[in-house]
Amino acid sequence: MRTRDHLLAARENVRFAARALTAYKLRSALTVLGIVIGVTTVIAMVSIIEGFNNSVIHDFQSFGATLVQFQKTDPQFGPGNGDESERQRKNLTYEDAEALKRLCPSMLAVSAERYWFSGNGGVNVPDVIYKGHEATPDTIGGVNQDYTVANNHFAGEGRFISDGDVRSGTQVIVIGSSIGSTLFPRSDPIGKEVSIAGHKFTVIGVMEKQGATFFESTDEHAYLPITTFDAHFPWIKKDVGVNIATVPRNSEWVDRIIEEGTAVLRMRRKVPFNKPNDFGMLTPDKLIGNFRAITGGITLAMIFISSIALLVGGVGVMNIMLVSVTERTRKIGVRKAIGAVRRDIVMQFLTEAMTLSGMGGVIGVAAGMLIALIVRKVSPLTTETPLWSIVVGLVVSISIGLFFGIYPAYKAAKLDPIDALRYE
């Protein structure tokens, strides 16, 4: 019976609070504006960052969850060119890649990769030309036969560069799908001869269409055997080292290939036992961790900024509740005179405060989701609104009403019924 009485009292308090709020619509709307702005900002920013996170992580993982890439500098995510001491390191070489292939039994593939992209070596990437038609690759790569396995990217037509092509330095080329569709829109590209910077190459394959990722689109890449690349573009070899992409024979051996590869490179580069590595290592997990740290910091900053708006909203709720106590002093006296105890008065005003702030939370959640939807429709950014952000937005907004409503409710409960009935 007591439980039923409590439920009836709670329902009556909610109904009374709704009547009080609708009686002063404009005042109520202005009061919750800060809460609406704060919750809207949190929901919108979390939705944008969460969608961005998932999109970038998918791009990271598309390279292969077991990829370990050895490179000159340590991986970084964000602006800047890295530490100056890193840029002074010796380049990794094709011979380093061959040593890893020979001395690391846990490695399934060792892909030595050297790239020429616009501005690299002070010269823009030349066009790929076929019978007067031109296609401009964004990157020309010198690679070996392990590139496809290491990067999880395979030839869709024809074949990829073989070990024989690398050893013999043959004049062959594999082109990205966009280059293929530009130069050979109605014909089979396999076996056709194209030219790059005056050098002739026979097309032996076209890569699978990969599409744009957060990083780049390999659909506009062109690939040569690394020995052929070095023979024709020696200035690139002189200035640019190789990145060495590796994958293990077993998906559980990532730590093993890191250990083996590190030992081989430290030995070849004569790094003293008490000195750190003078080369970097990149793994999808490491990049994902770095990326999450950055976006996590952005999220915390936005939540901090939003909390200021929520604090302002909370102060507004307390102010309006104090005004409400003053306006309804006589009604409070009447309730006390007919038997209402302090707890009843406290619950009445706390319910009103939480209803007011809860309405702001609901409006803020809806507005934040609407902003996320608009961003998804009008921009290339993907947005996702996680359930936890909606729950947090509503709980926080109601909690603000509870916290900032305590003092006005306590003040109302302390009123003397006789003095309250005399109040004009």
Protein backbone atom coordinates (compact mmCIF):
# COMPACT_ATOMS: atom_id res chain seq x y z
CA MET A 1 0.00 0.00 0.00
CA ARG A 2 2.85 2.36 0.89
CA THR A 3 4.50 1.72 -2.50
CA ARG A 4 1.26 2.55 -4.27
CA ASP A 5 0.96 5.80 -2.29
CA HIS A 6 4.50 6.76 -3.30
CA LEU A 7 3.76 6.07 -6.98
CA LEU A 8 0.58 8.13 -6.83
CA ALA A 9 2.46 10.97 -5.13
CA ALA A 10 5.22 10.85 -7.75
CA ARG A 11 2.72 10.89 -10.58
CA GLU A 12 0.92 13.81 -9.01
CA ASN A 13 4.21 15.69 -8.62
CA VAL A 14 5.06 15.16 -12.29
CA ARG A 15 1.60 16.35 -13.32
CA PHE A 16 1.89 19.39 -11.05
CA ALA A 17 5.36 20.16 -12.46
CA ALA A 18 4.10 19.93 -16.04
CA ARG A 19 1.28 22.38 -15.28
CA ALA A 20 3.71 24.78 -13.64
CA LEU A 21 6.08 24.68 -16.60
CA THR A 22 3.39 25.11 -19.26
CA ALA A 23 1.99 28.06 -17.35
CA TYR A 24 5.24 29.95 -18.02
CA LYS A 25 6.30 28.64 -21.42
CA LEU A 26 8.72 31.41 -22.39
CA ARG A 27 10.37 31.47 -18.97
CA SER A 28 10.77 27.70 -19.00
CA ALA A 29 12.22 27.75 -22.52
CA LEU A 30 14.80 30.40 -21.65
CA THR A 31 15.70 28.54 -18.47
CA VAL A 32 16.56 25.28 -20.24
CA LEU A 33 18.36 26.97 -23.15
CA GLY A 34 21.79 26.42 -21.58
CA ILE A 35 21.04 22.74 -21.01
CA VAL A 36 19.79 22.37 -24.58
CA ILE A 37 22.96 23.96 -25.98
CA GLY A 38 25.24 21.82 -23.80
CA VAL A 39 23.54 18.51 -24.57
CA THR A 40 23.23 19.37 -28.27
CA THR A 41 26.97 20.09 -28.46
CA VAL A 42 27.87 16.83 -26.71
CA ILE A 43 25.60 14.66 -28.87
CA ALA A 44 26.62 16.33 -32.15
CA MET A 45 30.35 16.23 -31.45
CA VAL A 46 30.32 12.67 -30.13
CA SER A 47 28.36 11.57 -33.22
CA ILE A 48 30.81 13.25 -35.61
CA ILE A 49 33.92 12.03 -33.79
CA GLU A 50 32.56 8.49 -33.36
CA GLY A 51 31.73 8.23 -37.06
CA PHE A 52 35.11 9.70 -37.99
CA ASN A 53 36.82 7.26 -35.61
CA ASN A 54 35.11 4.23 -37.11
CA SER A 55 35.82 5.37 -40.67
CA VAL A 56 39.52 5.95 -40.04
CA ILE A 57 39.92 2.71 -38.06
CA HIS A 58 38.33 0.82 -40.96
CA ASP A 59 40.89 2.40 -43.28
CA PHE A 60 43.70 1.43 -40.91
CA GLN A 61 42.48 -2.14 -40.73
CA SER A 62 42.07 -2.39 -44.49
CA PHE A 63 45.86 -2.53 -44.69
CA GLY A 64 45.77 -5.75 -42.68
CA ALA A 65 45.56 -6.29 -38.95
CA THR A 66 48.94 -8.08 -38.91
CA LEU A 67 50.91 -5.56 -40.95
CA VAL A 68 54.21 -4.43 -39.41
CA GLN A 69 56.03 -1.74 -41.40
CA PHE A 70 59.65 -0.81 -40.72
CA GLN A 71 60.47 2.74 -41.76
CA LYS A 72 62.97 5.52 -41.21
CA THR A 73 60.96 7.59 -38.72
CA ASP A 74 58.59 6.75 -35.92
CA PRO A 75 54.91 6.88 -36.91
CA GLN A 76 52.97 9.94 -35.90
CA PHE A 77 49.40 11.07 -36.37
CA GLY A 78 48.80 14.78 -36.66
CA PRO A 79 50.62 17.90 -37.86
CA GLY A 80 54.38 18.34 -37.88
CA ASN A 81 57.36 16.70 -39.52
CA GLY A 82 58.57 14.71 -36.56
CA ASP A 83 61.74 15.11 -34.53
CA GLU A 84 64.79 16.55 -36.31
CA SER A 85 66.97 13.70 -35.03
CA GLU A 86 64.66 11.22 -36.76
CA ARG A 87 65.06 12.98 -40.09
CA GLN A 88 68.83 12.67 -39.73
CA ARG A 89 68.66 8.89 -39.54
CA LYS A 90 70.03 6.70 -42.29
CA ASN A 91 67.47 5.51 -44.82
CA LEU A 92 66.37 1.91 -44.82
CA THR A 93 67.60 0.12 -47.96
CA TYR A 94 66.48 -2.56 -50.35
CA GLU A 95 69.31 -4.68 -48.98
CA ASP A 96 67.76 -4.36 -45.50
CA ALA A 97 64.54 -5.81 -46.90
CA GLU A 98 66.41 -8.69 -48.50
CA ALA A 99 68.13 -9.40 -45.17
CA LEU A 100 64.76 -9.51 -43.38
CA LYS A 101 63.42 -11.91 -45.99
CA ARG A 102 66.46 -14.15 -45.57
CA LEU A 103 66.91 -14.02 -41.79
CA CYS A 104 63.36 -13.78 -40.38
CA PRO A 105 61.64 -17.15 -40.76
CA SER A 106 58.39 -15.90 -39.19
CA MET A 107 57.79 -13.39 -41.99
CA LEU A 108 55.48 -14.55 -44.78
CA ALA A 109 56.04 -11.47 -46.94
CA VAL A 110 58.65 -8.69 -46.95
CA SER A 111 57.64 -5.84 -49.23
CA ALA A 112 60.34 -3.26 -50.02
CA GLU A 113 58.57 -0.12 -51.25
CA ARG A 114 60.02 3.11 -52.63
CA TYR A 115 57.64 5.88 -53.74
CA TRP A 116 57.81 8.90 -55.99
CA PHE A 117 55.01 11.35 -55.33
CA SER A 118 54.63 14.92 -56.49
CA GLY A 119 57.27 17.15 -54.96
CA ASN A 120 59.44 14.21 -53.93
CA GLY A 121 62.93 14.76 -55.35
CA GLY A 122 61.80 18.24 -56.45
CA VAL A 123 60.05 16.83 -59.52
CA ASN A 124 56.36 16.13 -60.10
CA VAL A 125 55.23 12.63 -60.99
CA PRO A 126 55.22 12.25 -64.80
CA ASP A 127 52.19 11.17 -66.80
CA VAL A 128 51.54 7.65 -68.01
CA ILE A 129 51.03 7.98 -71.78
CA TYR A 130 49.38 5.61 -74.27
CA LYS A 131 48.83 6.68 -77.89
CA GLY A 132 48.44 10.35 -77.04
CA HIS A 133 46.18 9.70 -74.04
CA GLU A 134 47.56 10.76 -70.65
CA ALA A 135 46.82 9.76 -67.07
CA THR A 136 48.53 11.41 -64.12
CA PRO A 137 49.32 9.01 -61.29
CA ASP A 138 49.50 10.49 -57.82
CA THR A 139 52.35 8.09 -56.98
CA ILE A 140 54.75 5.80 -58.79
CA GLY A 141 56.04 2.97 -56.63
CA GLY A 142 59.02 0.71 -56.93
CA VAL A 143 57.99 -2.56 -55.25
CA ASN A 144 58.73 -6.26 -55.18
CA GLN A 145 56.64 -9.40 -55.51
CA ASP A 146 55.52 -9.36 -51.85
CA TYR A 147 53.67 -6.06 -52.11
CA THR A 148 50.22 -7.60 -52.69
CA VAL A 149 50.33 -9.97 -49.71
CA ALA A 150 51.83 -7.41 -47.34
CA ASN A 151 49.33 -4.67 -48.26
CA ASN A 152 46.28 -6.86 -48.85
CA HIS A 153 45.85 -5.34 -52.31
CA PHE A 154 45.90 -7.57 -55.38
CA ALA A 155 45.79 -7.40 -59.17
CA GLY A 156 42.27 -7.48 -60.58
CA GLU A 157 43.39 -8.12 -64.17
CA GLY A 158 46.57 -9.76 -65.42
CA ARG A 159 49.25 -10.36 -62.84
CA PHE A 160 51.44 -8.47 -60.40
CA ILE A 161 55.20 -8.00 -60.45
CA SER A 162 57.09 -11.28 -59.94
CA ASP A 163 60.40 -12.16 -58.33
CA GLY A 164 61.79 -12.67 -61.85
CA ASP A 165 60.74 -9.14 -62.82
CA VAL A 166 62.61 -7.74 -59.82
CA ARG A 167 65.75 -9.81 -60.38
CA SER A 168 65.88 -9.02 -64.10
CA GLY A 169 64.74 -5.41 -63.89
CA THR A 170 62.16 -5.99 -66.62
CA GLN A 171 60.31 -3.12 -68.30
CA VAL A 172 56.86 -3.93 -66.93
CA ILE A 173 54.24 -1.90 -65.10
CA VAL A 174 51.09 -2.55 -63.06
CA ILE A 175 48.60 0.33 -63.05
CA GLY A 176 45.82 1.37 -60.71
CA SER A 177 42.19 0.92 -61.77
CA SER A 178 41.62 4.67 -62.36
CA ILE A 179 44.64 4.90 -64.65
CA GLY A 180 43.45 1.80 -66.48
CA SER A 181 39.96 3.20 -67.08
CA THR A 182 41.43 6.53 -68.26
CA LEU A 183 43.91 5.09 -70.78
CA PHE A 184 41.97 1.98 -71.84
CA PRO A 185 38.25 2.77 -71.54
CA ARG A 186 37.22 0.28 -74.25
CA SER A 187 40.15 -2.10 -74.62
CA ASP A 188 42.14 -4.65 -72.69
CA PRO A 189 45.23 -2.96 -71.19
CA ILE A 190 47.21 -6.18 -70.69
CA GLY A 191 50.17 -6.33 -73.08
CA LYS A 192 49.86 -2.69 -74.16
CA GLU A 193 52.96 -0.48 -74.11
CA VAL A 194 52.90 2.79 -72.21
CA SER A 195 55.60 5.37 -71.56
CA ILE A 196 56.66 7.30 -68.46
CA ALA A 197 59.22 10.09 -68.77
CA GLY A 198 60.37 8.65 -72.11
CA HIS A 199 60.75 5.06 -70.82
CA LYS A 200 58.66 2.26 -72.32
CA PHE A 201 56.84 -0.26 -70.12
CA THR A 202 54.53 -3.17 -70.88
CA VAL A 203 51.32 -3.30 -68.85
CA ILE A 204 51.09 -6.70 -67.13
CA GLY A 205 48.30 -5.99 -64.65
CA VAL A 206 45.62 -3.65 -63.32
CA MET A 207 45.04 -3.48 -59.59
CA GLU A 208 41.70 -4.14 -57.94
CA LYS A 209 39.64 -1.02 -57.39
CA GLN A 210 40.18 0.07 -53.80
CA GLY A 211 38.35 3.38 -53.65
CA ALA A 212 39.24 6.40 -51.55
CA THR A 213 40.34 5.91 -47.97
CA PHE A 214 41.21 8.37 -45.23
CA PHE A 215 44.80 8.35 -46.48
CA GLU A 216 44.71 8.20 -50.28
CA SER A 217 43.41 6.23 -53.22
CA THR A 218 45.81 3.63 -54.57
CA ASP A 219 43.62 3.48 -57.67
CA GLU A 220 45.84 6.25 -59.08
CA HIS A 221 49.14 4.49 -58.29
CA ALA A 222 51.47 2.87 -60.81
CA TYR A 223 53.91 0.13 -59.82
CA LEU A 224 57.29 -0.88 -61.28
CA PRO A 225 59.75 -3.55 -60.17
CA ILE A 226 61.91 -1.78 -57.59
CA THR A 227 65.10 -2.57 -59.54
CA THR A 228 63.59 -1.06 -62.70
CA PHE A 229 62.40 1.94 -60.73
CA ASP A 230 65.89 2.52 -59.31
CA ALA A 231 67.53 2.19 -62.73
CA HIS A 232 65.29 4.82 -64.35
CA PHE A 233 64.90 7.22 -61.41
CA PRO A 234 68.21 7.02 -59.51
CA TRP A 235 67.76 10.42 -57.82
CA ILE A 236 64.75 9.02 -55.95
CA LYS A 237 66.83 6.07 -54.74
CA LYS A 238 69.57 8.44 -53.60
CA ASP A 239 67.28 10.63 -51.49
CA VAL A 240 64.49 8.28 -50.43
CA GLY A 241 64.83 5.04 -48.53
CA VAL A 242 62.41 2.15 -48.56
CA ASN A 243 59.50 1.32 -46.33
CA ILE A 244 59.50 -2.38 -45.53
CA ALA A 245 56.03 -3.84 -45.04
CA THR A 246 55.94 -7.29 -43.44
CA VAL A 247 53.28 -9.79 -42.39
CA PRO A 248 53.72 -12.98 -40.31
CA ARG A 249 53.12 -16.55 -41.45
CA ASN A 250 50.69 -16.91 -38.56
CA SER A 251 48.32 -14.13 -37.46
CA GLU A 252 49.45 -14.66 -33.86
CA TRP A 253 53.12 -14.03 -34.68
CA VAL A 254 53.03 -10.24 -34.93
CA ASP A 255 55.19 -9.83 -31.83
CA ARG A 256 57.59 -12.44 -33.20
CA ILE A 257 58.20 -10.64 -36.50
CA ILE A 258 58.65 -7.36 -34.63
CA GLU A 259 61.30 -9.02 -32.46
CA GLU A 260 63.06 -10.73 -35.38
CA GLY A 261 62.93 -7.66 -37.64
CA THR A 262 64.19 -5.38 -34.88
CA ALA A 263 67.15 -7.67 -34.15
CA VAL A 264 68.16 -7.88 -37.84
CA LEU A 265 67.91 -4.14 -38.48
CA ARG A 266 69.75 -3.21 -35.28
CA MET A 267 72.56 -5.56 -36.29
CA ARG A 268 72.75 -4.23 -39.86
CA ARG A 269 72.60 -0.60 -38.73
CA LYS A 270 75.15 -1.24 -35.94
CA VAL A 271 72.96 0.14 -33.15
CA PRO A 272 74.69 -0.30 -29.74
CA PHE A 273 72.86 -2.57 -27.29
CA ASN A 274 72.25 0.34 -24.88
CA LYS A 275 70.84 2.68 -27.54
CA PRO A 276 67.24 2.91 -28.80
CA ASN A 277 66.25 1.85 -32.30
CA ASP A 278 67.25 4.28 -35.06
CA PHE A 279 64.24 3.29 -37.15
CA GLY A 280 60.49 3.32 -36.68
CA MET A 281 57.80 0.66 -36.71
CA LEU A 282 54.21 1.12 -37.76
CA THR A 283 51.34 -1.23 -36.96
CA PRO A 284 47.59 -0.66 -37.38
CA ASP A 285 47.12 -1.06 -33.62
CA LYS A 286 49.71 1.62 -32.89
CA LEU A 287 48.17 4.06 -35.34
CA ILE A 288 44.68 3.33 -34.04
CA GLY A 289 45.91 3.95 -30.49
CA ASN A 290 47.52 7.25 -31.47
CA PHE A 291 44.43 8.31 -33.37
CA ARG A 292 42.09 7.42 -30.51
CA ALA A 293 44.27 9.41 -28.10
CA ILE A 294 43.94 12.50 -30.31
CA THR A 295 40.20 12.23 -30.89
CA GLY A 296 39.70 11.31 -27.23
CA GLY A 297 41.40 14.56 -26.24
CA ILE A 298 39.18 16.49 -28.65
CA THR A 299 36.10 14.81 -27.18
CA LEU A 300 37.13 15.70 -23.63
CA ALA A 301 37.74 19.30 -24.67
CA MET A 302 34.28 19.53 -26.25
CA ILE A 303 32.67 17.95 -23.18
CA PHE A 304 34.46 20.49 -20.97
CA ILE A 305 33.18 23.37 -23.14
CA SER A 306 29.69 21.87 -23.13
CA SER A 307 29.79 21.50 -19.34
CA ILE A 308 30.05 25.29 -19.07
CA ALA A 309 26.76 25.63 -20.93
CA LEU A 310 25.26 22.93 -18.70
CA LEU A 311 26.48 24.76 -15.61
CA VAL A 312 24.87 27.97 -16.84
CA GLY A 313 21.69 26.01 -17.50
CA GLY A 314 21.82 24.57 -13.98
CA VAL A 315 22.16 28.02 -12.44
CA GLY A 316 19.18 29.10 -14.51
CA VAL A 317 17.15 26.17 -13.21
CA MET A 318 18.02 27.06 -9.59
CA ASN A 319 17.16 30.71 -10.19
CA ILE A 320 13.79 29.96 -11.71
CA MET A 321 12.99 27.47 -8.95
CA LEU A 322 13.75 30.10 -6.30
CA VAL A 323 11.39 32.46 -8.11
CA SER A 324 8.82 29.68 -8.21
CA VAL A 325 9.15 29.12 -4.46
CA THR A 326 8.52 32.82 -3.85
CA GLU A 327 5.52 32.93 -6.21
CA ARG A 328 3.92 29.85 -4.63
CA THR A 329 4.62 30.59 -0.98
CA ARG A 330 0.90 30.80 -0.15
CA LYS A 331 0.17 27.51 -2.01
CA ILE A 332 2.98 25.84 -0.07
CA GLY A 333 1.34 27.07 3.12
CA VAL A 334 -2.00 25.59 2.04
CA ARG A 335 -0.39 22.20 1.31
CA LYS A 336 1.31 22.14 4.67
CA ALA A 337 -1.90 23.17 6.42
CA ILE A 338 -3.77 20.17 4.99
CA GLY A 339 -1.08 17.71 6.02
CA ALA A 340 1.84 17.84 3.55
CA VAL A 341 5.16 17.14 5.24
CA ARG A 342 8.59 18.49 4.33
CA ARG A 343 9.38 15.47 2.16
CA ASP A 344 6.28 16.13 0.03
CA ILE A 345 7.31 19.74 -0.59
CA VAL A 346 10.90 18.76 -1.37
CA MET A 347 9.78 16.09 -3.84
CA GLN A 348 7.37 18.50 -5.51
CA PHE A 349 10.07 21.05 -6.30
CA LEU A 350 12.77 18.50 -7.11
CA THR A 351 10.39 16.82 -9.55
CA GLU A 352 9.67 20.16 -11.18
CA ALA A 353 13.38 20.98 -11.49
CA MET A 354 14.23 17.54 -12.94
CA THR A 355 11.29 17.72 -15.35
CA LEU A 356 12.47 21.13 -16.52
CA SER A 357 16.08 20.03 -17.07
CA GLY A 358 14.98 16.66 -18.48
CA MET A 359 12.95 18.48 -21.15
CA GLY A 360 16.09 20.42 -22.03
CA GLY A 361 18.00 17.13 -22.27
CA VAL A 362 15.42 15.57 -24.61
CA ILE A 363 15.42 18.63 -26.86
CA GLY A 364 19.25 18.70 -26.81
CA VAL A 365 19.51 15.02 -27.77
CA ALA A 366 17.07 15.50 -30.64
CA ALA A 367 18.87 18.64 -31.86
CA GLY A 368 22.29 16.93 -31.64
CA MET A 369 21.08 13.92 -33.64
CA LEU A 370 19.56 16.26 -36.23
CA ILE A 371 22.88 18.10 -36.61
CA ALA A 372 24.69 14.76 -36.99
CA LEU A 373 22.19 13.72 -39.67
CA ILE A 374 22.65 16.98 -41.58
CA VAL A 375 26.45 16.63 -41.44
CA ARG A 376 26.18 13.07 -42.78
CA LYS A 377 23.93 14.18 -45.65
CA VAL A 378 25.79 17.30 -46.80
CA SER A 379 29.43 16.29 -46.22
CA PRO A 380 31.68 13.27 -46.78
CA LEU A 381 31.96 12.78 -43.01
CA THR A 382 30.20 9.78 -41.54
CA THR A 383 28.42 10.24 -38.22
CA GLU A 384 27.24 7.68 -35.69
CA THR A 385 25.35 8.42 -32.47
CA PRO A 386 26.22 5.76 -29.89
CA LEU A 387 23.49 4.78 -27.43
CA TRP A 388 25.70 5.61 -24.45
CA SER A 389 25.91 9.28 -25.51
CA ILE A 390 22.11 9.57 -25.56
CA VAL A 391 21.82 7.94 -22.13
CA VAL A 392 24.58 10.14 -20.72
CA GLY A 393 22.98 13.28 -22.17
CA LEU A 394 19.63 12.51 -20.57
CA VAL A 395 21.07 11.37 -17.23
CA VAL A 396 23.33 14.43 -16.96
CA SER A 397 20.52 16.84 -17.79
CA ILE A 398 18.18 15.28 -15.20
CA SER A 399 21.00 15.20 -12.65
CA ILE A 400 21.55 18.93 -13.17
CA GLY A 401 17.90 19.53 -12.27
CA LEU A 402 18.30 17.35 -9.20
CA PHE A 403 21.51 19.07 -8.03
CA PHE A 404 20.45 22.65 -8.66
CA GLY A 405 16.92 22.02 -7.41
CA ILE A 406 18.00 20.86 -3.94
CA TYR A 407 18.45 24.30 -2.43
CA PRO A 408 15.13 25.78 -3.71
CA ALA A 409 13.29 22.61 -2.62
CA TYR A 410 14.91 22.72 0.83
CA LYS A 411 14.02 26.42 1.14
CA ALA A 412 10.40 25.69 0.24
CA ALA A 413 10.20 22.81 2.72
CA LYS A 414 11.46 25.04 5.57
CA LEU A 415 8.67 27.59 5.18
CA ASP A 416 6.47 27.97 8.22
CA PRO A 417 2.86 27.19 7.19
CA ILE A 418 1.39 30.10 9.19
CA ASP A 419 3.82 32.64 7.70
CA ALA A 420 3.27 31.14 4.26
CA LEU A 421 -0.51 31.50 4.51
CA ARG A 422 -0.09 35.17 5.48
CA TYR A 423 2.21 35.82 2.50
CA GLU A 424 0.78 38.15 -0.16
